[in-house]
Amino acid sequence: MNALMDNLVGILVVLAIFALVALPPLIGLARERRVDRQLRAAAGARQDAWRPPLPQAFVTTTVTVHS
């Protein structure tokens, strides 16, 4: 029973160390993805703002009075 507990504690310690080592890069990756999404959204909004207006289909006529 003692060997089983030692093995379990060893496995848990290894997993805890792995989590402590892997957690900061995973948090950084999530932050980078959020920043990338914000940059894409800002670029899309800026592109829409600078889009030239569509040409209007107005027909001009001159009205004259004929007698």
C-alpha atoms as a PDB file:
ATOM      1  CA  MET A   1       0.000   0.000   0.000  1.00  0.00           C
ATOM      2  CA  ASN A   2       2.884   2.334   0.767  1.00  0.00           C
ATOM      3  CA  ALA A   3       4.387   1.880  -2.706  1.00  0.00           C
ATOM      4  CA  LEU A   4       1.023   2.631  -4.319  1.00  0.00           C
ATOM      5  CA  MET A   5       0.715   5.883  -2.360  1.00  0.00           C
ATOM      6  CA  ASP A   6       4.288   6.864  -3.247  1.00  0.00           C
ATOM      7  CA  ASN A   7       3.569   6.278  -6.921  1.00  0.00           C
ATOM      8  CA  LEU A   8       0.347   8.276  -6.777  1.00  0.00           C
ATOM      9  CA  VAL A   9       2.047  11.175  -4.996  1.00  0.00           C
ATOM     10  CA  GLY A  10       4.895  11.087  -7.520  1.00  0.00           C
ATOM     11  CA  ILE A  11       2.481  11.172 -10.447  1.00  0.00           C
ATOM     12  CA  LEU A  12       0.556  14.070  -8.895  1.00  0.00           C
ATOM     13  CA  VAL A  13       3.767  16.002  -8.280  1.00  0.00           C
ATOM     14  CA  VAL A  14       4.864  15.509 -11.886  1.00  0.00           C
ATOM     15  CA  LEU A  15       1.455  16.640 -13.143  1.00  0.00           C
ATOM     16  CA  ALA A  16       1.526  19.701 -10.880  1.00  0.00           C
ATOM     17  CA  ILE A  17       4.994  20.679 -12.123  1.00  0.00           C
ATOM     18  CA  PHE A  18       3.861  20.170 -15.723  1.00  0.00           C
ATOM     19  CA  ALA A  19       0.840  22.405 -15.103  1.00  0.00           C
ATOM     20  CA  LEU A  20       3.041  25.112 -13.555  1.00  0.00           C
ATOM     21  CA  VAL A  21       5.380  24.992 -16.544  1.00  0.00           C
ATOM     22  CA  ALA A  22       2.651  24.847 -19.213  1.00  0.00           C
ATOM     23  CA  LEU A  23       0.208  27.384 -17.751  1.00  0.00           C
ATOM     24  CA  PRO A  24       2.042  30.676 -18.549  1.00  0.00           C
ATOM     25  CA  PRO A  25       2.533  29.878 -22.268  1.00  0.00           C
ATOM     26  CA  LEU A  26      -1.100  28.827 -22.566  1.00  0.00           C
ATOM     27  CA  ILE A  27      -2.247  32.080 -20.968  1.00  0.00           C
ATOM     28  CA  GLY A  28       0.042  34.020 -23.330  1.00  0.00           C
ATOM     29  CA  LEU A  29      -1.334  32.134 -26.326  1.00  0.00           C
ATOM     30  CA  ALA A  30      -4.903  32.957 -25.331  1.00  0.00           C
ATOM     31  CA  ARG A  31      -3.976  36.632 -24.911  1.00  0.00           C
ATOM     32  CA  GLU A  32      -2.261  36.716 -28.328  1.00  0.00           C
ATOM     33  CA  ARG A  33      -5.315  35.194 -29.989  1.00  0.00           C
ATOM     34  CA  ARG A  34      -7.545  37.830 -28.350  1.00  0.00           C
ATOM     35  CA  VAL A  35      -5.260  40.640 -29.548  1.00  0.00           C
ATOM     36  CA  ASP A  36      -5.219  39.180 -33.072  1.00  0.00           C
ATOM     37  CA  ARG A  37      -9.039  39.102 -33.120  1.00  0.00           C
ATOM     38  CA  GLN A  38      -9.170  42.730 -31.979  1.00  0.00           C
ATOM     39  CA  LEU A  39      -6.656  43.790 -34.637  1.00  0.00           C
ATOM     40  CA  ARG A  40      -8.608  42.003 -37.381  1.00  0.00           C
ATOM     41  CA  ALA A  41     -11.830  43.648 -36.223  1.00  0.00           C
ATOM     42  CA  ALA A  42     -10.189  47.090 -36.165  1.00  0.00           C
ATOM     43  CA  ALA A  43      -8.691  46.592 -39.626  1.00  0.00           C
ATOM     44  CA  GLY A  44     -12.066  45.524 -40.983  1.00  0.00           C
ATOM     45  CA  ALA A  45     -13.778  48.548 -39.454  1.00  0.00           C
ATOM     46  CA  ARG A  46     -11.135  50.878 -40.841  1.00  0.00           C
ATOM     47  CA  GLN A  47     -11.419  49.319 -44.289  1.00  0.00           C
ATOM     48  CA  ASP A  48     -15.192  49.804 -44.236  1.00  0.00           C
ATOM     49  CA  ALA A  49     -14.785  53.421 -43.142  1.00  0.00           C
ATOM     50  CA  TRP A  50     -12.435  54.243 -46.037  1.00  0.00           C
ATOM     51  CA  ARG A  51     -14.533  52.552 -48.701  1.00  0.00           C
ATOM     52  CA  PRO A  52     -15.530  55.091 -51.379  1.00  0.00           C
ATOM     53  CA  PRO A  53     -19.245  55.823 -51.563  1.00  0.00           C
ATOM     54  CA  LEU A  54     -21.255  54.023 -54.180  1.00  0.00           C
ATOM     55  CA  PRO A  55     -22.194  56.107 -57.220  1.00  0.00           C
ATOM     56  CA  GLN A  56     -25.758  57.395 -57.132  1.00  0.00           C
ATOM     57  CA  ALA A  57     -28.060  56.690 -60.039  1.00  0.00           C
ATOM     58  CA  PHE A  58     -29.615  60.139 -60.387  1.00  0.00           C
ATOM     59  CA  VAL A  59     -31.085  61.289 -63.660  1.00  0.00           C
ATOM     60  CA  THR A  60     -31.088  65.023 -64.089  1.00  0.00           C
ATOM     61  CA  THR A  61     -33.660  66.646 -66.308  1.00  0.00           C
ATOM     62  CA  THR A  62     -34.371  70.189 -67.288  1.00  0.00           C
ATOM     63  CA  VAL A  63     -37.963  71.332 -67.269  1.00  0.00           C
ATOM     64  CA  THR A  64     -38.833  74.094 -69.708  1.00  0.00           C
ATOM     65  CA  VAL A  65     -42.174  75.707 -70.287  1.00  0.00           C
ATOM     66  CA  HIS A  66     -43.319  75.648 -73.893  1.00  0.00           C
ATOM     67  CA  SER A  67     -46.163  77.858 -74.861  1.00  0.00           C
END
